[in-house]
Amino acid sequence: KEKHNPRRKYCLISGLAIIFSLWIIIGNGAKVQAETITVSTPIKQIFPDDAFAETIKDNLKKKSVTDAVTQNELNSIDQIIANNSD
């Protein structure tokens, strides 16, 4: 009869936790494709969330969220840093 080895069980659980954590961090391979706009469109219409629209406005150095942007302008954004605010 095999004895229960608590160390072996701990190592197995720890290994699985590490693998799961890496999977979460790296991502599960989901690909996302954004919609493409074909005509200049107001920022607020593209991004209805007020805080996110403001972030895009600031990033593109626009005066208002009602200012129109082109697909090329949106494509120029390579990073967005926004704080979660309610």
N, C-alpha and C. Protein backbone atom coordinates (compact mmCIF):
# COMPACT_ATOMS: atom_id res chain seq x y z
N LYS A 1 0.85 -1.18 0.00
CA LYS A 1 0.00 0.00 0.00
C LYS A 1 0.90 1.25 0.00
N GLU A 2 0.60 2.18 -0.90
CA GLU A 2 1.41 3.40 -1.05
C GLU A 2 1.00 4.42 0.00
N LYS A 3 2.00 5.03 0.63
CA LYS A 3 1.73 6.07 1.64
C LYS A 3 1.41 7.38 0.95
N HIS A 4 0.59 8.16 1.59
CA HIS A 4 0.29 9.51 1.07
C HIS A 4 1.49 10.40 1.38
N ASN A 5 1.99 11.02 0.34
CA ASN A 5 3.15 11.90 0.49
C ASN A 5 2.67 13.34 0.39
N PRO A 6 2.59 14.04 1.56
CA PRO A 6 2.08 15.41 1.52
C PRO A 6 2.95 16.36 0.70
N ARG A 7 4.24 16.09 0.67
CA ARG A 7 5.14 16.96 -0.11
C ARG A 7 4.86 16.83 -1.60
N ARG A 8 4.63 15.60 -2.05
CA ARG A 8 4.32 15.36 -3.46
C ARG A 8 3.01 16.03 -3.85
N LYS A 9 2.03 15.93 -2.97
CA LYS A 9 0.74 16.55 -3.23
C LYS A 9 0.89 18.07 -3.28
N TYR A 10 1.67 18.65 -2.38
CA TYR A 10 1.92 20.09 -2.35
C TYR A 10 2.60 20.54 -3.65
N CYS A 11 3.61 19.78 -4.10
CA CYS A 11 4.32 20.12 -5.34
C CYS A 11 3.39 20.07 -6.54
N LEU A 12 2.54 19.07 -6.58
CA LEU A 12 1.59 18.94 -7.69
C LEU A 12 0.62 20.12 -7.72
N ILE A 13 0.06 20.46 -6.57
CA ILE A 13 -0.89 21.56 -6.50
C ILE A 13 -0.19 22.88 -6.84
N SER A 14 1.02 23.07 -6.33
CA SER A 14 1.78 24.30 -6.63
C SER A 14 2.08 24.40 -8.12
N GLY A 15 2.48 23.30 -8.73
CA GLY A 15 2.77 23.29 -10.16
C GLY A 15 1.56 23.65 -11.00
N LEU A 16 0.43 23.07 -10.64
CA LEU A 16 -0.81 23.37 -11.37
C LEU A 16 -1.21 24.83 -11.18
N ALA A 17 -1.01 25.37 -9.98
CA ALA A 17 -1.33 26.78 -9.73
C ALA A 17 -0.45 27.69 -10.57
N ILE A 18 0.84 27.34 -10.69
CA ILE A 18 1.76 28.15 -11.50
C ILE A 18 1.36 28.10 -12.97
N ILE A 19 1.05 26.93 -13.47
CA ILE A 19 0.64 26.78 -14.87
C ILE A 19 -0.63 27.58 -15.14
N PHE A 20 -1.60 27.49 -14.24
CA PHE A 20 -2.85 28.23 -14.41
C PHE A 20 -2.59 29.74 -14.37
N SER A 21 -1.74 30.20 -13.46
CA SER A 21 -1.41 31.62 -13.36
C SER A 21 -0.75 32.13 -14.64
N LEU A 22 0.17 31.36 -15.18
CA LEU A 22 0.83 31.75 -16.43
C LEU A 22 -0.16 31.82 -17.58
N TRP A 23 -1.08 30.87 -17.61
CA TRP A 23 -2.10 30.87 -18.65
C TRP A 23 -2.94 32.13 -18.57
N ILE A 24 -3.30 32.55 -17.35
CA ILE A 24 -4.09 33.76 -17.16
C ILE A 24 -3.28 34.99 -17.58
N ILE A 25 -2.01 35.07 -17.16
CA ILE A 25 -1.17 36.22 -17.46
C ILE A 25 -0.90 36.35 -18.95
N ILE A 26 -0.53 35.25 -19.58
CA ILE A 26 -0.16 35.27 -20.99
C ILE A 26 -1.40 35.40 -21.87
N GLY A 27 -2.49 34.88 -21.42
CA GLY A 27 -3.72 34.92 -22.19
C GLY A 27 -4.01 33.55 -22.77
N ASN A 28 -5.23 33.36 -23.12
CA ASN A 28 -5.64 32.06 -23.64
C ASN A 28 -5.68 32.03 -25.16
N GLY A 29 -5.03 32.99 -25.78
CA GLY A 29 -4.94 32.98 -27.24
C GLY A 29 -6.13 33.61 -27.95
N ALA A 30 -7.00 34.28 -27.21
CA ALA A 30 -8.15 34.91 -27.84
C ALA A 30 -7.69 36.09 -28.69
N LYS A 31 -8.19 36.16 -29.88
CA LYS A 31 -7.87 37.26 -30.79
C LYS A 31 -9.07 38.19 -30.87
N VAL A 32 -8.78 39.48 -30.85
CA VAL A 32 -9.84 40.48 -30.93
C VAL A 32 -9.57 41.39 -32.12
N GLN A 33 -10.59 41.67 -32.87
CA GLN A 33 -10.47 42.56 -34.02
C GLN A 33 -11.42 43.73 -33.82
N ALA A 34 -10.88 44.93 -33.81
CA ALA A 34 -11.71 46.12 -33.64
C ALA A 34 -12.44 46.45 -34.93
N GLU A 35 -13.56 47.11 -34.77
CA GLU A 35 -14.32 47.56 -35.94
C GLU A 35 -13.56 48.70 -36.62
N THR A 36 -13.66 48.78 -37.92
CA THR A 36 -13.00 49.84 -38.69
C THR A 36 -14.04 50.89 -39.08
N ILE A 37 -13.66 52.17 -38.90
CA ILE A 37 -14.56 53.24 -39.35
C ILE A 37 -14.12 53.69 -40.74
N THR A 38 -15.09 54.05 -41.57
CA THR A 38 -14.78 54.43 -42.95
C THR A 38 -14.89 55.93 -43.18
N VAL A 39 -15.56 56.64 -42.27
CA VAL A 39 -15.69 58.10 -42.37
C VAL A 39 -15.33 58.71 -41.01
N SER A 40 -14.92 59.97 -41.03
CA SER A 40 -14.64 60.67 -39.78
C SER A 40 -15.86 60.57 -38.86
N THR A 41 -15.61 60.20 -37.62
CA THR A 41 -16.70 59.97 -36.68
C THR A 41 -16.35 60.60 -35.33
N PRO A 42 -17.32 61.21 -34.65
CA PRO A 42 -17.04 61.79 -33.34
C PRO A 42 -16.55 60.72 -32.35
N ILE A 43 -15.58 61.11 -31.54
CA ILE A 43 -15.00 60.20 -30.55
C ILE A 43 -16.10 59.60 -29.68
N LYS A 44 -17.03 60.42 -29.22
CA LYS A 44 -18.11 59.98 -28.33
C LYS A 44 -18.99 58.91 -28.97
N GLN A 45 -19.11 58.95 -30.29
CA GLN A 45 -19.93 57.95 -30.99
C GLN A 45 -19.19 56.61 -31.05
N ILE A 46 -17.89 56.65 -31.20
CA ILE A 46 -17.10 55.43 -31.27
C ILE A 46 -16.92 54.81 -29.89
N PHE A 47 -16.68 55.68 -28.89
CA PHE A 47 -16.43 55.24 -27.52
C PHE A 47 -17.48 55.87 -26.60
N PRO A 48 -18.62 55.21 -26.41
CA PRO A 48 -19.70 55.80 -25.62
C PRO A 48 -19.39 55.97 -24.13
N ASP A 49 -18.40 55.27 -23.61
CA ASP A 49 -18.02 55.44 -22.21
C ASP A 49 -17.35 56.81 -22.05
N ASP A 50 -17.92 57.65 -21.18
CA ASP A 50 -17.44 59.04 -21.04
C ASP A 50 -15.96 59.11 -20.67
N ALA A 51 -15.55 58.32 -19.69
CA ALA A 51 -14.15 58.37 -19.23
C ALA A 51 -13.20 57.90 -20.33
N PHE A 52 -13.57 56.85 -21.04
CA PHE A 52 -12.70 56.33 -22.09
C PHE A 52 -12.65 57.30 -23.27
N ALA A 53 -13.78 57.91 -23.59
CA ALA A 53 -13.81 58.92 -24.67
C ALA A 53 -12.88 60.08 -24.33
N GLU A 54 -12.88 60.51 -23.07
CA GLU A 54 -11.98 61.58 -22.63
C GLU A 54 -10.52 61.15 -22.78
N THR A 55 -10.22 59.91 -22.45
CA THR A 55 -8.85 59.39 -22.58
C THR A 55 -8.42 59.41 -24.04
N ILE A 56 -9.29 58.99 -24.94
CA ILE A 56 -8.98 59.00 -26.37
C ILE A 56 -8.79 60.43 -26.86
N LYS A 57 -9.68 61.33 -26.42
CA LYS A 57 -9.58 62.74 -26.79
C LYS A 57 -8.21 63.30 -26.38
N ASP A 58 -7.82 63.04 -25.16
CA ASP A 58 -6.53 63.54 -24.67
C ASP A 58 -5.37 62.93 -25.44
N ASN A 59 -5.47 61.63 -25.71
CA ASN A 59 -4.41 60.93 -26.43
C ASN A 59 -4.22 61.51 -27.83
N LEU A 60 -5.32 61.86 -28.48
CA LEU A 60 -5.25 62.39 -29.84
C LEU A 60 -5.14 63.92 -29.87
N LYS A 61 -5.06 64.52 -28.68
CA LYS A 61 -4.93 65.98 -28.56
C LYS A 61 -6.09 66.72 -29.24
N LYS A 62 -7.28 66.20 -29.04
CA LYS A 62 -8.49 66.84 -29.56
C LYS A 62 -9.06 67.76 -28.48
N LYS A 63 -9.91 68.70 -28.87
CA LYS A 63 -10.49 69.65 -27.92
C LYS A 63 -11.72 69.12 -27.22
N SER A 64 -12.46 68.25 -27.91
CA SER A 64 -13.72 67.77 -27.37
C SER A 64 -13.98 66.32 -27.80
N VAL A 65 -14.78 65.62 -27.03
CA VAL A 65 -15.15 64.26 -27.41
C VAL A 65 -16.12 64.26 -28.58
N THR A 66 -16.62 65.44 -28.95
CA THR A 66 -17.48 65.54 -30.13
C THR A 66 -16.66 65.77 -31.41
N ASP A 67 -15.35 65.99 -31.26
CA ASP A 67 -14.48 66.12 -32.43
C ASP A 67 -14.43 64.80 -33.19
N ALA A 68 -14.42 64.89 -34.52
CA ALA A 68 -14.36 63.70 -35.36
C ALA A 68 -12.92 63.21 -35.48
N VAL A 69 -12.79 61.89 -35.57
CA VAL A 69 -11.48 61.28 -35.77
C VAL A 69 -11.57 60.32 -36.96
N THR A 70 -10.43 60.08 -37.57
CA THR A 70 -10.36 59.14 -38.69
C THR A 70 -9.78 57.82 -38.21
N GLN A 71 -9.88 56.82 -39.06
CA GLN A 71 -9.30 55.52 -38.74
C GLN A 71 -7.78 55.64 -38.60
N ASN A 72 -7.16 56.47 -39.45
CA ASN A 72 -5.70 56.66 -39.36
C ASN A 72 -5.30 57.24 -38.01
N GLU A 73 -6.10 58.19 -37.50
CA GLU A 73 -5.80 58.75 -36.19
C GLU A 73 -5.91 57.69 -35.11
N LEU A 74 -6.95 56.89 -35.18
CA LEU A 74 -7.11 55.82 -34.19
C LEU A 74 -5.98 54.79 -34.30
N ASN A 75 -5.57 54.51 -35.54
CA ASN A 75 -4.47 53.56 -35.74
C ASN A 75 -3.15 54.07 -35.18
N SER A 76 -3.04 55.39 -35.02
CA SER A 76 -1.80 55.96 -34.51
C SER A 76 -1.62 55.72 -33.00
N ILE A 77 -2.69 55.33 -32.33
CA ILE A 77 -2.62 55.07 -30.89
C ILE A 77 -1.99 53.69 -30.69
N ASP A 78 -0.85 53.68 -30.00
CA ASP A 78 -0.21 52.39 -29.75
C ASP A 78 -0.24 51.99 -28.28
N GLN A 79 -0.67 52.93 -27.42
CA GLN A 79 -0.77 52.62 -26.00
C GLN A 79 -1.78 53.56 -25.36
N ILE A 80 -2.58 53.01 -24.47
CA ILE A 80 -3.55 53.82 -23.73
C ILE A 80 -3.35 53.53 -22.25
N ILE A 81 -3.15 54.59 -21.50
CA ILE A 81 -3.05 54.46 -20.05
C ILE A 81 -4.23 55.21 -19.46
N ALA A 82 -5.09 54.49 -18.76
CA ALA A 82 -6.27 55.11 -18.17
C ALA A 82 -6.48 54.55 -16.77
N ASN A 83 -6.87 55.41 -15.88
CA ASN A 83 -7.18 54.98 -14.53
C ASN A 83 -8.65 54.63 -14.44
N ASN A 84 -8.97 53.66 -13.62
CA ASN A 84 -10.35 53.26 -13.41
C ASN A 84 -10.97 54.24 -12.43
N SER A 85 -11.87 55.06 -12.92
CA SER A 85 -12.54 56.02 -12.05
C SER A 85 -14.04 55.91 -12.24
N ASP A 86 -14.75 56.10 -11.17
CA ASP A 86 -16.21 55.98 -11.25
C ASP A 86 -16.84 57.33 -11.37
